[in-house]
């Protein structure tokens, strides 16, 4: 009987440890969920709007740069031709 009692005591002690660990994990998980919800509510929407604005700005420049490069190339070519004909 004493052997069975010892086994039950060890099992009970292990269960107590598991209960404490589970409670700690649950508390930590609740804390993470609360922080995540706070971030979703406040920070993400403004970040998305900011990123959208930046991306649109970059896309505008993406189309403007090739046109400006061609114009610069044509101006340079015209200057070289004018220098050759004039000189």
N, C-alpha and C. Protein backbone atom coordinates (compact mmCIF):
# COMPACT_ATOMS: atom_id res chain seq x y z
N UNK A 1 0.80 -1.19 0.00
CA UNK A 1 0.00 0.00 0.00
C UNK A 1 0.85 1.26 0.00
N UNK A 2 1.93 1.24 0.73
CA UNK A 2 2.80 2.39 0.83
C UNK A 2 3.39 2.74 -0.53
N UNK A 3 3.69 1.71 -1.29
CA UNK A 3 4.23 1.93 -2.64
C UNK A 3 3.21 2.64 -3.53
N UNK A 4 1.97 2.23 -3.45
CA UNK A 4 0.91 2.86 -4.23
C UNK A 4 0.70 4.31 -3.79
N UNK A 5 0.78 4.54 -2.51
CA UNK A 5 0.61 5.88 -1.98
C UNK A 5 1.73 6.79 -2.47
N UNK A 6 2.96 6.26 -2.47
CA UNK A 6 4.09 7.05 -2.97
C UNK A 6 3.93 7.38 -4.45
N UNK A 7 3.49 6.40 -5.22
CA UNK A 7 3.27 6.63 -6.66
C UNK A 7 2.19 7.70 -6.88
N UNK A 8 1.12 7.59 -6.13
CA UNK A 8 0.04 8.58 -6.26
C UNK A 8 0.53 9.98 -5.85
N UNK A 9 1.37 10.04 -4.83
CA UNK A 9 1.91 11.33 -4.40
C UNK A 9 2.80 11.93 -5.48
N UNK A 10 3.62 11.11 -6.12
CA UNK A 10 4.48 11.60 -7.21
C UNK A 10 3.64 12.06 -8.41
N UNK A 11 2.61 11.29 -8.72
CA UNK A 11 1.73 11.67 -9.83
C UNK A 11 1.03 12.98 -9.51
N UNK A 12 0.57 13.11 -8.27
CA UNK A 12 -0.11 14.34 -7.87
C UNK A 12 0.84 15.53 -7.94
N UNK A 13 2.09 15.35 -7.52
CA UNK A 13 3.08 16.42 -7.58
C UNK A 13 3.34 16.83 -9.04
N UNK A 14 3.44 15.84 -9.92
CA UNK A 14 3.66 16.13 -11.34
C UNK A 14 2.47 16.86 -11.94
N UNK A 15 1.27 16.45 -11.54
CA UNK A 15 0.07 17.14 -12.03
C UNK A 15 0.03 18.58 -11.54
N UNK A 16 0.44 18.80 -10.29
CA UNK A 16 0.49 20.18 -9.76
C UNK A 16 1.44 21.04 -10.58
N UNK A 17 2.59 20.47 -10.93
CA UNK A 17 3.56 21.21 -11.76
C UNK A 17 2.96 21.52 -13.12
N UNK A 18 2.28 20.55 -13.72
CA UNK A 18 1.65 20.78 -15.02
C UNK A 18 0.57 21.85 -14.95
N UNK A 19 -0.20 21.86 -13.88
CA UNK A 19 -1.24 22.87 -13.72
C UNK A 19 -0.61 24.26 -13.62
N UNK A 20 0.46 24.39 -12.86
CA UNK A 20 1.14 25.68 -12.72
C UNK A 20 1.71 26.12 -14.06
N UNK A 21 2.35 25.20 -14.78
CA UNK A 21 2.92 25.54 -16.08
C UNK A 21 1.83 25.95 -17.07
N UNK A 22 0.73 25.22 -17.06
CA UNK A 22 -0.37 25.54 -17.97
C UNK A 22 -0.95 26.91 -17.65
N UNK A 23 -1.09 27.21 -16.37
CA UNK A 23 -1.61 28.52 -15.96
C UNK A 23 -0.66 29.63 -16.40
N UNK A 24 0.63 29.41 -16.21
CA UNK A 24 1.63 30.40 -16.62
C UNK A 24 1.60 30.60 -18.14
N UNK A 25 1.54 29.50 -18.88
CA UNK A 25 1.48 29.60 -20.34
C UNK A 25 0.21 30.32 -20.79
N UNK A 26 -0.89 30.03 -20.14
CA UNK A 26 -2.16 30.67 -20.51
C UNK A 26 -2.10 32.17 -20.23
N UNK A 27 -1.50 32.54 -19.10
CA UNK A 27 -1.36 33.96 -18.77
C UNK A 27 -0.49 34.65 -19.81
N UNK A 28 0.61 34.02 -20.18
CA UNK A 28 1.51 34.59 -21.18
C UNK A 28 0.79 34.71 -22.54
N UNK A 29 0.03 33.70 -22.90
CA UNK A 29 -0.71 33.72 -24.16
C UNK A 29 -1.75 34.83 -24.16
N UNK A 30 -2.47 35.00 -23.06
CA UNK A 30 -3.45 36.08 -22.95
C UNK A 30 -2.77 37.44 -23.11
N UNK A 31 -1.57 37.59 -22.51
CA UNK A 31 -0.83 38.83 -22.61
C UNK A 31 -0.43 39.10 -24.07
N UNK A 32 0.04 38.07 -24.76
CA UNK A 32 0.42 38.23 -26.17
C UNK A 32 -0.79 38.59 -27.03
N UNK A 33 -1.90 37.94 -26.77
CA UNK A 33 -3.11 38.24 -27.53
C UNK A 33 -3.57 39.68 -27.32
N UNK A 34 -3.48 40.14 -26.08
CA UNK A 34 -3.87 41.53 -25.78
C UNK A 34 -2.96 42.51 -26.50
N UNK A 35 -1.65 42.24 -26.48
CA UNK A 35 -0.72 43.14 -27.17
C UNK A 35 -0.94 43.12 -28.68
N UNK A 36 -1.19 41.95 -29.22
CA UNK A 36 -1.44 41.83 -30.66
C UNK A 36 -2.70 42.59 -31.06
N UNK A 37 -3.75 42.47 -30.28
CA UNK A 37 -4.99 43.19 -30.59
C UNK A 37 -4.77 44.71 -30.52
N UNK A 38 -3.97 45.15 -29.55
CA UNK A 38 -3.66 46.58 -29.42
C UNK A 38 -2.89 47.06 -30.65
N UNK A 39 -1.93 46.28 -31.09
CA UNK A 39 -1.16 46.65 -32.29
C UNK A 39 -2.05 46.68 -33.53
N UNK A 40 -2.92 45.69 -33.65
CA UNK A 40 -3.82 45.65 -34.80
C UNK A 40 -4.75 46.85 -34.80
N UNK A 41 -5.20 47.26 -33.63
CA UNK A 41 -6.15 48.35 -33.53
C UNK A 41 -5.51 49.70 -33.84
N UNK A 42 -4.27 49.91 -33.41
CA UNK A 42 -3.68 51.24 -33.53
C UNK A 42 -2.63 51.35 -34.61
N UNK A 43 -1.63 50.51 -34.58
CA UNK A 43 -0.46 50.72 -35.41
C UNK A 43 -0.56 50.25 -36.84
N UNK A 44 -1.23 49.17 -37.08
CA UNK A 44 -1.19 48.56 -38.39
C UNK A 44 -1.90 49.41 -39.44
N UNK A 45 -3.03 49.98 -39.11
CA UNK A 45 -3.77 50.76 -40.09
C UNK A 45 -2.98 51.97 -40.56
N UNK A 46 -2.35 52.67 -39.63
CA UNK A 46 -1.56 53.84 -40.03
C UNK A 46 -0.32 53.42 -40.79
N UNK A 47 0.29 52.29 -40.41
CA UNK A 47 1.46 51.80 -41.14
C UNK A 47 1.10 51.43 -42.57
N UNK A 48 -0.04 50.79 -42.75
CA UNK A 48 -0.47 50.40 -44.10
C UNK A 48 -0.70 51.64 -44.95
N UNK A 49 -1.35 52.64 -44.40
CA UNK A 49 -1.60 53.87 -45.15
C UNK A 49 -0.29 54.54 -45.50
N UNK A 50 0.66 54.57 -44.58
CA UNK A 50 1.96 55.16 -44.83
C UNK A 50 2.71 54.41 -45.93
N UNK A 51 2.67 53.09 -45.87
CA UNK A 51 3.33 52.28 -46.89
C UNK A 51 2.69 52.48 -48.26
N UNK A 52 1.38 52.56 -48.30
CA UNK A 52 0.70 52.79 -49.57
C UNK A 52 1.13 54.12 -50.19
N UNK A 53 1.23 55.15 -49.36
CA UNK A 53 1.66 56.47 -49.85
C UNK A 53 3.07 56.39 -50.40
N UNK A 54 3.95 55.74 -49.68
CA UNK A 54 5.34 55.61 -50.13
C UNK A 54 5.44 54.82 -51.43
N UNK A 55 4.71 53.73 -51.52
CA UNK A 55 4.76 52.90 -52.73
C UNK A 55 4.25 53.69 -53.93
N UNK A 56 3.17 54.41 -53.76
CA UNK A 56 2.65 55.21 -54.88
C UNK A 56 3.65 56.27 -55.31
N UNK A 57 4.34 56.89 -54.36
CA UNK A 57 5.36 57.89 -54.67
C UNK A 57 6.50 57.27 -55.47
N UNK A 58 6.94 56.10 -55.04
CA UNK A 58 8.02 55.40 -55.76
C UNK A 58 7.57 55.01 -57.16
N UNK A 59 6.34 54.56 -57.31
CA UNK A 59 5.85 54.17 -58.62
C UNK A 59 5.78 55.36 -59.57
N UNK A 60 5.45 56.55 -59.06
CA UNK A 60 5.44 57.74 -59.91
C UNK A 60 6.84 58.03 -60.44
N UNK A 61 7.85 57.93 -59.59
CA UNK A 61 9.22 58.17 -60.01
C UNK A 61 9.71 57.10 -60.97
N UNK A 62 9.21 55.90 -60.82
CA UNK A 62 9.65 54.81 -61.69
C UNK A 62 9.34 55.12 -63.15
N UNK A 63 8.21 55.77 -63.40
CA UNK A 63 7.85 56.10 -64.78
C UNK A 63 8.49 57.41 -65.23
N UNK A 64 8.79 58.29 -64.31
CA UNK A 64 9.37 59.59 -64.67
C UNK A 64 10.85 59.48 -64.99
N UNK A 65 11.57 58.60 -64.35
CA UNK A 65 13.02 58.50 -64.56
C UNK A 65 13.40 58.09 -65.98
N UNK A 66 12.79 57.10 -66.61
CA UNK A 66 13.17 56.78 -67.98
C UNK A 66 12.94 57.94 -68.95
N UNK A 67 11.86 58.66 -68.77
CA UNK A 67 11.57 59.79 -69.65
C UNK A 67 12.63 60.87 -69.45
N UNK A 68 12.99 61.15 -68.21
CA UNK A 68 14.02 62.15 -67.92
C UNK A 68 15.37 61.69 -68.47
N UNK A 69 15.66 60.42 -68.40
CA UNK A 69 16.92 59.90 -68.94
C UNK A 69 16.99 60.05 -70.44
N UNK A 70 15.90 59.76 -71.13
CA UNK A 70 15.86 59.91 -72.59
C UNK A 70 16.02 61.38 -72.97
N UNK A 71 15.35 62.26 -72.25
CA UNK A 71 15.47 63.69 -72.53
C UNK A 71 16.91 64.17 -72.32
N UNK A 72 17.56 63.70 -71.27
CA UNK A 72 18.95 64.07 -71.01
C UNK A 72 19.87 63.54 -72.11
N UNK A 73 19.64 62.33 -72.52
CA UNK A 73 20.44 61.73 -73.59
C UNK A 73 20.27 62.51 -74.89
N UNK A 74 19.05 62.86 -75.23
CA UNK A 74 18.80 63.62 -76.46
C UNK A 74 19.43 65.01 -76.38
N UNK A 75 19.36 65.66 -75.24
CA UNK A 75 19.97 66.98 -75.06
C UNK A 75 21.48 66.88 -75.20
N UNK A 76 22.07 65.87 -74.58
CA UNK A 76 23.52 65.66 -74.69
C UNK A 76 23.94 65.39 -76.12
N UNK A 77 23.18 64.57 -76.81
CA UNK A 77 23.48 64.25 -78.21
C UNK A 77 23.38 65.51 -79.05
N UNK A 78 22.34 66.31 -78.83
CA UNK A 78 22.18 67.55 -79.60
C UNK A 78 23.34 68.50 -79.31
N UNK A 79 23.81 68.55 -78.07
CA UNK A 79 24.93 69.42 -77.73
C UNK A 79 26.21 68.96 -78.42
N UNK A 80 26.43 67.65 -78.45
CA UNK A 80 27.62 67.11 -79.13
C UNK A 80 27.57 67.38 -80.62
N UNK A 81 26.41 67.17 -81.24
CA UNK A 81 26.25 67.43 -82.68
C UNK A 81 26.47 68.92 -82.96
N UNK A 82 25.92 69.80 -82.13
CA UNK A 82 26.10 71.23 -82.31
C UNK A 82 27.57 71.61 -82.17
N UNK A 83 28.26 70.98 -81.23
CA UNK A 83 29.68 71.27 -81.03
C UNK A 83 30.50 70.82 -82.23
N UNK A 84 30.15 69.66 -82.80
CA UNK A 84 30.90 69.12 -83.94
C UNK A 84 30.65 70.00 -85.18
N UNK A 85 29.41 70.36 -85.42
CA UNK A 85 29.06 71.19 -86.60
C UNK A 85 29.61 72.60 -86.45
N UNK A 86 29.59 73.11 -85.25
CA UNK A 86 30.05 74.49 -85.01
C UNK A 86 31.56 74.58 -84.97
N UNK A 87 32.25 73.50 -84.69
CA UNK A 87 33.68 73.56 -84.50
C UNK A 87 34.45 73.13 -85.66
